C-alpha atoms as a PDB file:
ATOM      1  CA  UNK A   1     153.371 137.965  77.739  1.00  0.00           C
ATOM      2  CA  UNK A   2     151.184 140.726  78.893  1.00  0.00           C
ATOM      3  CA  UNK A   3     147.745 141.086  80.881  1.00  0.00           C
ATOM      4  CA  UNK A   4     145.457 141.117  77.804  1.00  0.00           C
ATOM      5  CA  UNK A   5     147.429 137.963  76.621  1.00  0.00           C
ATOM      6  CA  UNK A   6     147.252 135.654  80.009  1.00  0.00           C
ATOM      7  CA  UNK A   7     143.770 136.797  79.769  1.00  0.00           C
ATOM      8  CA  UNK A   8     142.529 135.544  76.789  1.00  0.00           C
ATOM      9  CA  UNK A   9     145.022 131.934  77.444  1.00  0.00           C
ATOM     10  CA  UNK A  10     142.260 131.539  80.740  1.00  0.00           C
ATOM     11  CA  UNK A  11     139.942 130.521  77.329  1.00  0.00           C
ATOM     12  CA  UNK A  12     141.857 127.366  76.469  1.00  0.00           C
ATOM     13  CA  UNK A  13     142.311 124.491  77.334  1.00  0.00           C
ATOM     14  CA  UNK A  14     145.543 124.605  78.107  1.00  0.00           C
ATOM     15  CA  UNK A  15     148.104 127.256  80.797  1.00  0.00           C
ATOM     16  CA  UNK A  16     150.027 129.300  78.769  1.00  0.00           C
ATOM     17  CA  UNK A  17     154.156 128.586  78.376  1.00  0.00           C
ATOM     18  CA  UNK A  18     157.002 129.329  81.699  1.00  0.00           C
ATOM     19  CA  UNK A  19     153.939 130.596  83.646  1.00  0.00           C
ATOM     20  CA  UNK A  20     155.359 130.790  87.312  1.00  0.00           C
ATOM     21  CA  UNK A  21     153.544 129.640  90.508  1.00  0.00           C
ATOM     22  CA  UNK A  22     152.357 132.669  91.411  1.00  0.00           C
ATOM     23  CA  UNK A  23     151.114 133.285  87.262  1.00  0.00           C
ATOM     24  CA  UNK A  24     149.958 129.670  87.193  1.00  0.00           C
ATOM     25  CA  UNK A  25     147.580 130.255  91.134  1.00  0.00           C
ATOM     26  CA  UNK A  26     145.793 132.666  88.919  1.00  0.00           C
ATOM     27  CA  UNK A  27     145.231 131.579  85.965  1.00  0.00           C
ATOM     28  CA  UNK A  28     143.648 128.683  87.555  1.00  0.00           C
ATOM     29  CA  UNK A  29     141.916 131.293  89.379  1.00  0.00           C
ATOM     30  CA  UNK A  30     139.923 132.784  86.791  1.00  0.00           C
ATOM     31  CA  UNK A  31     139.462 128.952  85.320  1.00  0.00           C
ATOM     32  CA  UNK A  32     137.508 129.185  88.785  1.00  0.00           C
ATOM     33  CA  UNK A  33     139.116 126.185  90.362  1.00  0.00           C
ATOM     34  CA  UNK A  34     139.880 127.989  93.477  1.00  0.00           C
ATOM     35  CA  UNK A  35     141.533 124.820  94.807  1.00  0.00           C
ATOM     36  CA  UNK A  36     143.891 124.101  91.922  1.00  0.00           C
ATOM     37  CA  UNK A  37     145.307 128.275  92.747  1.00  0.00           C
ATOM     38  CA  UNK A  38     145.784 127.644  96.402  1.00  0.00           C
ATOM     39  CA  UNK A  39     147.998 124.536  95.611  1.00  0.00           C
ATOM     40  CA  UNK A  40     149.862 127.101  93.430  1.00  0.00           C
ATOM     41  CA  UNK A  41     150.149 129.778  95.256  1.00  0.00           C
ATOM     42  CA  UNK A  42     151.303 127.031  98.166  1.00  0.00           C
ATOM     43  CA  UNK A  43     153.943 125.475  96.223  1.00  0.00           C
ATOM     44  CA  UNK A  44     155.861 129.397  94.160  1.00  0.00           C
ATOM     45  CA  UNK A  45     157.254 129.964  97.550  1.00  0.00           C
ATOM     46  CA  UNK A  46     157.710 133.443  96.987  1.00  0.00           C
ATOM     47  CA  UNK A  47     156.486 136.131  97.573  1.00  0.00           C
ATOM     48  CA  UNK A  48     154.806 136.492  94.508  1.00  0.00           C
ATOM     49  CA  UNK A  49     152.527 133.276  95.365  1.00  0.00           C
ATOM     50  CA  UNK A  50     152.518 134.227  98.956  1.00  0.00           C
ATOM     51  CA  UNK A  51     150.775 137.696  97.146  1.00  0.00           C
ATOM     52  CA  UNK A  52     148.262 135.364  95.266  1.00  0.00           C
ATOM     53  CA  UNK A  53     147.595 133.444  98.608  1.00  0.00           C
ATOM     54  CA  UNK A  54     146.392 136.034 100.258  1.00  0.00           C
ATOM     55  CA  UNK A  55     144.475 137.249  97.093  1.00  0.00           C
ATOM     56  CA  UNK A  56     142.968 133.482  97.479  1.00  0.00           C
ATOM     57  CA  UNK A  57     141.903 133.465 100.981  1.00  0.00           C
ATOM     58  CA  UNK A  58     140.292 137.453 100.529  1.00  0.00           C
ATOM     59  CA  UNK A  59     138.015 135.546  98.030  1.00  0.00           C
ATOM     60  CA  UNK A  60     137.408 133.227 100.240  1.00  0.00           C
ATOM     61  CA  UNK A  61     136.553 134.776 103.061  1.00  0.00           C
ATOM     62  CA  UNK A  62     139.369 134.029 105.645  1.00  0.00           C
ATOM     63  CA  UNK A  63     139.658 137.831 106.266  1.00  0.00           C
ATOM     64  CA  UNK A  64     142.208 136.336 108.856  1.00  0.00           C
ATOM     65  CA  UNK A  65     144.331 134.164 106.861  1.00  0.00           C
ATOM     66  CA  UNK A  66     144.275 136.811 104.209  1.00  0.00           C
ATOM     67  CA  UNK A  67     145.961 139.225 107.078  1.00  0.00           C
ATOM     68  CA  UNK A  68     148.573 137.457 107.412  1.00  0.00           C
ATOM     69  CA  UNK A  69     149.478 136.093 103.317  1.00  0.00           C
ATOM     70  CA  UNK A  70     149.247 139.788 102.967  1.00  0.00           C
ATOM     71  CA  UNK A  71     151.742 140.229 105.113  1.00  0.00           C
ATOM     72  CA  UNK A  72     154.207 137.380 104.273  1.00  0.00           C
ATOM     73  CA  UNK A  73     154.317 139.674 100.532  1.00  0.00           C
ATOM     74  CA  UNK A  74     154.764 142.693 102.238  1.00  0.00           C
ATOM     75  CA  UNK A  75     151.157 143.621 100.389  1.00  0.00           C
ATOM     76  CA  UNK A  76     147.835 146.517 101.613  1.00  0.00           C
ATOM     77  CA  UNK A  77     145.316 144.266 102.384  1.00  0.00           C
ATOM     78  CA  UNK A  78     143.649 145.334  98.835  1.00  0.00           C
ATOM     79  CA  UNK A  79     139.646 147.210  98.572  1.00  0.00           C
ATOM     80  CA  UNK A  80     138.854 147.590  96.153  1.00  0.00           C
ATOM     81  CA  UNK A  81     136.816 144.459  94.028  1.00  0.00           C
ATOM     82  CA  UNK A  82     138.641 140.599  93.519  1.00  0.00           C
ATOM     83  CA  UNK A  83     137.807 142.065  90.082  1.00  0.00           C
ATOM     84  CA  UNK A  84     140.334 144.578  90.306  1.00  0.00           C
ATOM     85  CA  UNK A  85     143.180 142.708  92.565  1.00  0.00           C
ATOM     86  CA  UNK A  86     143.118 139.775  90.422  1.00  0.00           C
ATOM     87  CA  UNK A  87     143.838 142.959  87.494  1.00  0.00           C
ATOM     88  CA  UNK A  88     146.378 144.249  89.828  1.00  0.00           C
ATOM     89  CA  UNK A  89     148.412 141.493  90.644  1.00  0.00           C
ATOM     90  CA  UNK A  90     148.271 139.813  87.700  1.00  0.00           C
ATOM     91  CA  UNK A  91     149.468 143.089  85.466  1.00  0.00           C
ATOM     92  CA  UNK A  92     152.291 143.748  88.568  1.00  0.00           C
ATOM     93  CA  UNK A  93     153.405 140.137  87.895  1.00  0.00           C
ATOM     94  CA  UNK A  94     154.215 140.540  84.592  1.00  0.00           C
ATOM     95  CA  UNK A  95     155.426 143.877  84.521  1.00  0.00           C
ATOM     96  CA  UNK A  96     152.209 146.572  83.383  1.00  0.00           C
ATOM     97  CA  UNK A  97     151.533 148.034  86.923  1.00  0.00           C
ATOM     98  CA  UNK A  98     148.390 147.576  88.392  1.00  0.00           C
ATOM     99  CA  UNK A  99     146.083 147.337  85.316  1.00  0.00           C
ATOM    100  CA  UNK A 100     142.210 147.892  85.574  1.00  0.00           C
END
């Protein structure tokens, strides 16, 4: 799956098959369900999930908590827009690098 297909999948009612926790968290975030996204990010149990977890807390406005999760993910605090960060994380997880 590429970034365009992943983004378009948000319009469907069912999540794409075979997504890992981090991608699933991003998918639920794009659907507008922060709580479900947060649960999937926490359940991922890896650096990718920690990265999405950081993004979600940044989106929530909790920069201190976000900073902790960026550190756990070995990622810098993102300085751009939330939409750019979502695309950056999704593109990276899908193997496409930073997609704007």
